[in-house]
């Protein structure tokens, strides 16, 4: 029965793993609602900020903020990648990493250097393994209720570099929450600021700024960048819980199938052993 004992051990191990995957599935199922509420509550603000900045970008003004200046010669670009702090969420982080690596390779083939800011433990670990990409900042363990204050430092690193002409483009990479079963890796342009959607070029109007345009636009545009990054963090958090819930449910289902398979193999092995013992007894009795 040594073979049967090994099978019983595999069954117990698989049952223990199923307990873990079910627990993680239930935890993510309980957290995803709160993450979705945070994400949806932040979306209107981010949408209106995009609209305001789009109008500002299309206005005919004498003052052009440095964030709106588009540089034709691109020598160095920066990426802010948002990932999860924990794993066991399927291919969520890997899909974003593959998309980002493809863009980075495209830039490097053009001779453009790449700087990266990592938000999340998985992004930090990923870029630490890549020796040819400069990691200029990171922040991890934002928790279940991320705060904008925790992101200001890494955002400022990229904004200061762009203002000082050390970066010519800045991009934001994160996972966009579509629904519980679908999450899409997205790379958006942060700087230079994109023009307003649906607005015609050549407007002859402008806003009235008090006391002056620089004093108003500088904090507004910084809040705009912070709002986009914060929205990306919330979207990625909702994606993380949804992906983990789906992945753990799939793992639990696979564990159930394995347990059924091992149980069938165990029963066959036990029946074979019983049949062999009966055959030996019958053979012994016949010999006597």
Protein backbone atom coordinates (compact mmCIF):
# COMPACT_ATOMS: atom_id res chain seq x y z
CA UNK A 1 0.00 0.00 0.00
CA UNK A 2 3.01 2.34 -0.30
CA UNK A 3 1.64 3.67 -3.58
CA UNK A 4 -1.76 4.28 -1.98
CA UNK A 5 -0.11 6.19 0.90
CA UNK A 6 1.64 8.47 -1.59
CA UNK A 7 -1.66 9.15 -3.34
CA UNK A 8 -3.36 9.94 -0.01
CA UNK A 9 -0.56 12.40 0.73
CA UNK A 10 -1.13 14.12 -2.62
CA UNK A 11 -4.85 14.34 -1.93
CA UNK A 12 -4.26 15.97 1.46
CA UNK A 13 -1.77 18.44 -0.04
CA UNK A 14 -4.20 19.40 -2.80
CA UNK A 15 -6.99 19.84 -0.26
CA UNK A 16 -4.79 22.18 1.78
CA UNK A 17 -4.00 24.22 -1.34
CA UNK A 18 -7.70 24.39 -2.15
CA UNK A 19 -8.37 25.86 1.30
CA UNK A 20 -5.81 28.61 0.61
CA UNK A 21 -7.13 29.45 -2.86
CA UNK A 22 -10.73 29.54 -1.62
CA UNK A 23 -9.74 31.86 1.23
CA UNK A 24 -7.92 34.21 -1.16
CA UNK A 25 -10.90 34.14 -3.53
CA UNK A 26 -13.30 35.13 -0.76
CA UNK A 27 -10.98 37.87 0.52
CA UNK A 28 -10.68 39.42 -2.95
CA UNK A 29 -14.44 39.09 -3.48
CA UNK A 30 -15.02 41.07 -0.29
CA UNK A 31 -12.46 43.75 -1.18
CA UNK A 32 -13.34 44.27 -4.81
CA UNK A 33 -16.57 46.14 -4.02
CA UNK A 34 -14.72 48.73 -1.93
CA UNK A 35 -12.04 49.09 -4.60
CA UNK A 36 -14.70 49.61 -7.29
CA UNK A 37 -16.46 52.22 -5.17
CA UNK A 38 -13.20 54.17 -4.75
CA UNK A 39 -12.45 53.91 -8.46
CA UNK A 40 -15.91 55.06 -9.56
CA UNK A 41 -15.98 57.90 -7.05
CA UNK A 42 -12.71 59.25 -8.49
CA UNK A 43 -13.66 58.93 -12.17
CA UNK A 44 -15.85 62.08 -12.45
CA UNK A 45 -13.11 64.27 -11.00
CA UNK A 46 -10.48 62.84 -13.36
CA UNK A 47 -12.85 63.24 -16.32
CA UNK A 48 -13.60 66.87 -15.53
CA UNK A 49 -9.91 67.60 -15.01
CA UNK A 50 -9.22 66.20 -18.48
CA UNK A 51 -11.94 68.46 -19.90
CA UNK A 52 -10.63 71.61 -18.20
CA UNK A 53 -7.04 70.96 -19.22
CA UNK A 54 -8.18 70.16 -22.75
CA UNK A 55 -9.83 73.58 -22.98
CA UNK A 56 -6.73 75.24 -21.57
CA UNK A 57 -4.51 73.45 -24.08
CA UNK A 58 -6.67 74.68 -26.99
CA UNK A 59 -6.98 78.26 -25.78
CA UNK A 60 -5.10 80.99 -27.63
CA UNK A 61 -2.96 82.37 -24.83
CA UNK A 62 0.26 84.32 -24.73
CA UNK A 63 1.55 82.20 -21.85
CA UNK A 64 2.42 78.57 -22.62
CA UNK A 65 3.08 76.40 -19.61
CA UNK A 66 6.19 74.14 -19.85
CA UNK A 67 3.94 71.08 -19.53
CA UNK A 68 2.23 72.05 -22.79
CA UNK A 69 5.42 72.50 -24.80
CA UNK A 70 5.91 69.65 -27.26
CA UNK A 71 9.54 68.87 -28.06
CA UNK A 72 10.23 67.43 -31.48
CA UNK A 73 13.62 65.93 -30.61
CA UNK A 74 13.14 63.08 -28.14
CA UNK A 75 16.28 62.07 -26.28
CA UNK A 76 14.90 60.57 -23.07
CA UNK A 77 11.45 59.42 -21.98
CA UNK A 78 10.01 58.53 -18.60
CA UNK A 79 7.46 55.88 -17.63
CA UNK A 80 5.44 55.66 -14.44
CA UNK A 81 4.32 52.04 -14.11
CA UNK A 82 1.59 51.05 -11.64
CA UNK A 83 1.46 47.43 -10.49
CA UNK A 84 0.22 45.42 -7.53
CA UNK A 85 2.17 44.82 -4.33
CA UNK A 86 1.19 41.15 -4.17
CA UNK A 87 1.03 38.34 -6.69
CA UNK A 88 -1.44 35.50 -7.27
CA UNK A 89 -3.50 37.69 -9.61
CA UNK A 90 -3.06 35.80 -12.85
CA UNK A 91 -1.35 37.56 -15.73
CA UNK A 92 -2.34 41.07 -14.63
CA UNK A 93 1.18 42.37 -14.01
CA UNK A 94 2.81 40.24 -16.72
CA UNK A 95 0.51 41.60 -19.44
CA UNK A 96 1.33 45.19 -18.51
CA UNK A 97 5.04 44.41 -18.31
CA UNK A 98 5.02 42.87 -21.80
CA UNK A 99 3.22 45.89 -23.25
CA UNK A 100 5.61 48.28 -21.56
CA UNK A 101 8.71 46.33 -22.61
CA UNK A 102 7.58 46.45 -26.24
CA UNK A 103 7.34 50.25 -26.09
CA UNK A 104 10.66 50.56 -24.28
CA UNK A 105 12.39 48.42 -26.92
CA UNK A 106 10.88 50.61 -29.65
CA UNK A 107 12.30 53.73 -27.98
CA UNK A 108 15.71 52.15 -27.45
CA UNK A 109 15.99 51.13 -31.10
CA UNK A 110 15.68 54.86 -31.86
CA UNK A 111 18.52 55.64 -29.44
CA UNK A 112 16.22 57.09 -26.78
CA UNK A 113 17.07 56.55 -23.10
CA UNK A 114 14.34 55.40 -20.72
CA UNK A 115 13.75 56.34 -17.07
CA UNK A 116 11.19 54.51 -14.97
CA UNK A 117 9.26 55.20 -11.77
CA UNK A 118 7.75 52.09 -10.18
CA UNK A 119 4.51 52.15 -8.16
CA UNK A 120 3.94 48.78 -6.50
CA UNK A 121 6.22 45.99 -5.34
CA UNK A 122 5.89 43.92 -8.51
CA UNK A 123 6.94 46.81 -10.75
CA UNK A 124 9.89 47.56 -8.46
CA UNK A 125 11.09 43.95 -8.54
CA UNK A 126 10.64 43.78 -12.30
CA UNK A 127 12.70 46.86 -13.14
CA UNK A 128 15.40 46.04 -10.63
CA UNK A 129 16.18 42.99 -12.75
CA UNK A 130 16.57 45.10 -15.90
CA UNK A 131 20.05 46.58 -15.78
CA UNK A 132 19.74 48.72 -18.93
CA UNK A 133 16.80 50.79 -17.62
CA UNK A 134 17.31 53.52 -15.04
CA UNK A 135 14.96 53.30 -12.06
CA UNK A 136 14.65 56.86 -10.68
CA UNK A 137 11.93 56.43 -8.06
CA UNK A 138 9.54 53.98 -6.43
CA UNK A 139 6.72 53.74 -3.92
CA UNK A 140 5.17 50.52 -2.60
CA UNK A 141 2.58 49.22 -0.13
CA UNK A 142 -0.08 51.86 -0.76
CA UNK A 143 -2.69 49.65 0.93
CA UNK A 144 -6.38 49.20 0.20
CA UNK A 145 -7.10 52.95 0.40
CA UNK A 146 -4.30 54.71 -1.51
CA UNK A 147 -3.68 58.38 -0.78
CA UNK A 148 -2.56 61.06 -3.19
CA UNK A 149 -0.01 62.24 -0.62
CA UNK A 150 1.91 58.96 -1.01
CA UNK A 151 2.24 59.53 -4.78
CA UNK A 152 3.32 63.19 -4.82
CA UNK A 153 7.00 62.35 -4.32
CA UNK A 154 7.39 60.03 -7.31
CA UNK A 155 5.22 62.28 -9.48
CA UNK A 156 7.42 65.26 -8.62
CA UNK A 157 10.50 63.34 -9.77
CA UNK A 158 9.08 63.10 -13.29
CA UNK A 159 7.62 66.62 -13.36
CA UNK A 160 10.91 68.20 -12.25
CA UNK A 161 12.81 66.17 -14.83
CA UNK A 162 10.44 67.29 -17.59
CA UNK A 163 10.60 70.94 -16.51
CA UNK A 164 14.42 70.77 -16.47
CA UNK A 165 14.44 69.27 -20.02
CA UNK A 166 15.86 65.97 -18.75
CA UNK A 167 12.77 64.19 -20.10
CA UNK A 168 10.99 64.86 -23.39
CA UNK A 169 7.99 62.55 -22.92
CA UNK A 170 6.30 61.11 -19.81
CA UNK A 171 3.91 58.14 -19.93
CA UNK A 172 1.62 56.43 -17.43
CA UNK A 173 1.23 52.63 -17.55
CA UNK A 174 -1.50 50.86 -15.59
CA UNK A 175 -4.32 48.31 -15.90
CA UNK A 176 -7.70 49.75 -16.84
CA UNK A 177 -10.71 48.13 -15.16
CA UNK A 178 -13.33 47.15 -17.75
CA UNK A 179 -15.27 44.55 -15.76
CA UNK A 180 -14.62 41.75 -13.30
CA UNK A 181 -13.54 39.36 -16.05
CA UNK A 182 -11.59 41.82 -18.20
CA UNK A 183 -8.70 44.17 -17.44
CA UNK A 184 -6.78 46.04 -20.14
CA UNK A 185 -3.14 47.21 -19.92
CA UNK A 186 -2.97 50.88 -20.93
CA UNK A 187 -0.13 53.32 -21.59
CA UNK A 188 -1.28 56.98 -21.59
CA UNK A 189 0.67 60.15 -22.32
CA UNK A 190 1.11 62.40 -19.28
CA UNK A 191 3.47 65.02 -20.71
CA UNK A 192 3.29 66.99 -22.87
CA UNK A 193 -0.37 67.59 -22.09
CA UNK A 194 -2.66 66.34 -24.87
CA UNK A 195 -4.99 68.76 -26.60
CA UNK A 196 -8.65 68.74 -25.72
CA UNK A 197 -10.80 66.03 -27.27
CA UNK A 198 -13.47 67.24 -29.67
CA UNK A 199 -12.21 70.85 -29.76
CA UNK A 200 -11.27 72.62 -32.96
CA UNK A 201 -7.85 74.18 -33.30
CA UNK A 202 -7.46 77.93 -33.76
CA UNK A 203 -9.71 79.25 -30.99
CA UNK A 204 -9.30 82.99 -30.40
CA UNK A 205 -10.54 82.94 -26.78
CA UNK A 206 -8.70 82.53 -23.51
CA UNK A 207 -9.46 82.34 -19.81
CA UNK A 208 -9.00 85.29 -17.48
CA UNK A 209 -6.43 84.38 -14.85
CA UNK A 210 -6.13 86.12 -11.49
CA UNK A 211 -3.59 87.19 -10.35
CA UNK A 212 -1.76 85.86 -13.45
CA UNK A 213 -1.61 82.81 -15.72
CA UNK A 214 1.55 81.17 -14.22
CA UNK A 215 0.18 81.38 -10.67
CA UNK A 216 -3.06 79.65 -11.70
CA UNK A 217 -1.89 77.14 -14.30
CA UNK A 218 1.04 75.70 -12.38
CA UNK A 219 -0.99 74.22 -9.47
CA UNK A 220 -3.92 73.29 -11.76
CA UNK A 221 -1.76 71.29 -14.14
CA UNK A 222 0.07 69.59 -11.28
CA UNK A 223 -3.28 68.59 -9.74
CA UNK A 224 -4.28 67.28 -13.16
CA UNK A 225 -1.21 65.00 -13.36
CA UNK A 226 -1.74 63.84 -9.76
CA UNK A 227 -5.42 63.11 -10.50
CA UNK A 228 -4.53 60.94 -13.52
CA UNK A 229 -1.90 58.97 -11.58
CA UNK A 230 -4.21 58.53 -8.59
CA UNK A 231 -7.02 57.35 -10.87
CA UNK A 232 -4.59 54.88 -12.43
CA UNK A 233 -3.71 53.52 -8.98
CA UNK A 234 -7.40 53.03 -8.13
CA UNK A 235 -8.10 51.38 -11.49
CA UNK A 236 -5.17 49.04 -10.98
CA UNK A 237 -6.32 48.19 -7.43
CA UNK A 238 -9.76 47.16 -8.68
CA UNK A 239 -8.11 45.15 -11.46
CA UNK A 240 -5.88 43.40 -8.93
CA UNK A 241 -8.76 42.16 -6.77
CA UNK A 242 -10.82 41.13 -9.80
CA UNK A 243 -7.91 39.25 -11.37
CA UNK A 244 -7.02 37.55 -8.09
CA UNK A 245 -10.61 36.49 -7.48
CA UNK A 246 -10.85 34.95 -10.96
CA UNK A 247 -7.41 33.32 -10.72
CA UNK A 248 -8.10 31.82 -7.30
CA UNK A 249 -11.49 30.49 -8.43
CA UNK A 250 -9.79 28.83 -11.38
CA UNK A 251 -7.15 27.39 -9.04
CA UNK A 252 -9.85 26.04 -6.72
CA UNK A 253 -11.66 24.42 -9.64
CA UNK A 254 -8.41 22.83 -10.82
CA UNK A 255 -7.77 21.56 -7.29
CA UNK A 256 -11.21 19.93 -7.25
CA UNK A 257 -10.43 18.16 -10.52
CA UNK A 258 -7.08 16.98 -9.19
CA UNK A 259 -8.69 15.66 -6.01
CA UNK A 260 -11.25 13.73 -8.06
CA UNK A 261 -8.48 12.31 -10.26
CA UNK A 262 -6.29 11.33 -7.30
CA UNK A 263 -9.28 9.80 -5.50
CA UNK A 264 -10.08 7.66 -8.53
CA UNK A 265 -6.44 6.55 -8.81
CA UNK A 266 -6.37 5.79 -5.07
CA UNK A 267 -9.53 3.68 -5.26
CA UNK A 268 -8.14 1.74 -8.21
CA UNK A 269 -4.84 1.16 -6.39
CA UNK A 270 -6.66 0.00 -3.26
CA UNK A 271 -8.89 -2.35 -5.24
CA UNK A 272 -5.84 -3.75 -7.02
CA UNK A 273 -4.13 -4.35 -3.68
CA UNK A 274 -7.23 -6.09 -2.27
CA UNK A 275 -7.52 -8.23 -5.39
CA UNK A 276 -3.87 -9.20 -5.11
CA UNK A 277 -4.25 -10.19 -1.43
CA UNK A 278 -7.33 -12.32 -2.19
CA UNK A 279 -5.45 -13.99 -5.05
CA UNK A 280 -2.55 -14.79 -2.73
CA UNK A 281 -4.91 -16.26 -0.09
CA UNK A 282 -6.73 -18.38 -2.68
CA UNK A 283 -3.43 -19.53 -4.15
CA UNK A 284 -2.13 -20.48 -0.72
CA UNK A 285 -5.31 -22.37 0.16
CA UNK A 286 -5.15 -24.27 -3.14
CA UNK A 287 -1.54 -25.23 -2.52
CA UNK A 288 -2.41 -26.71 0.89
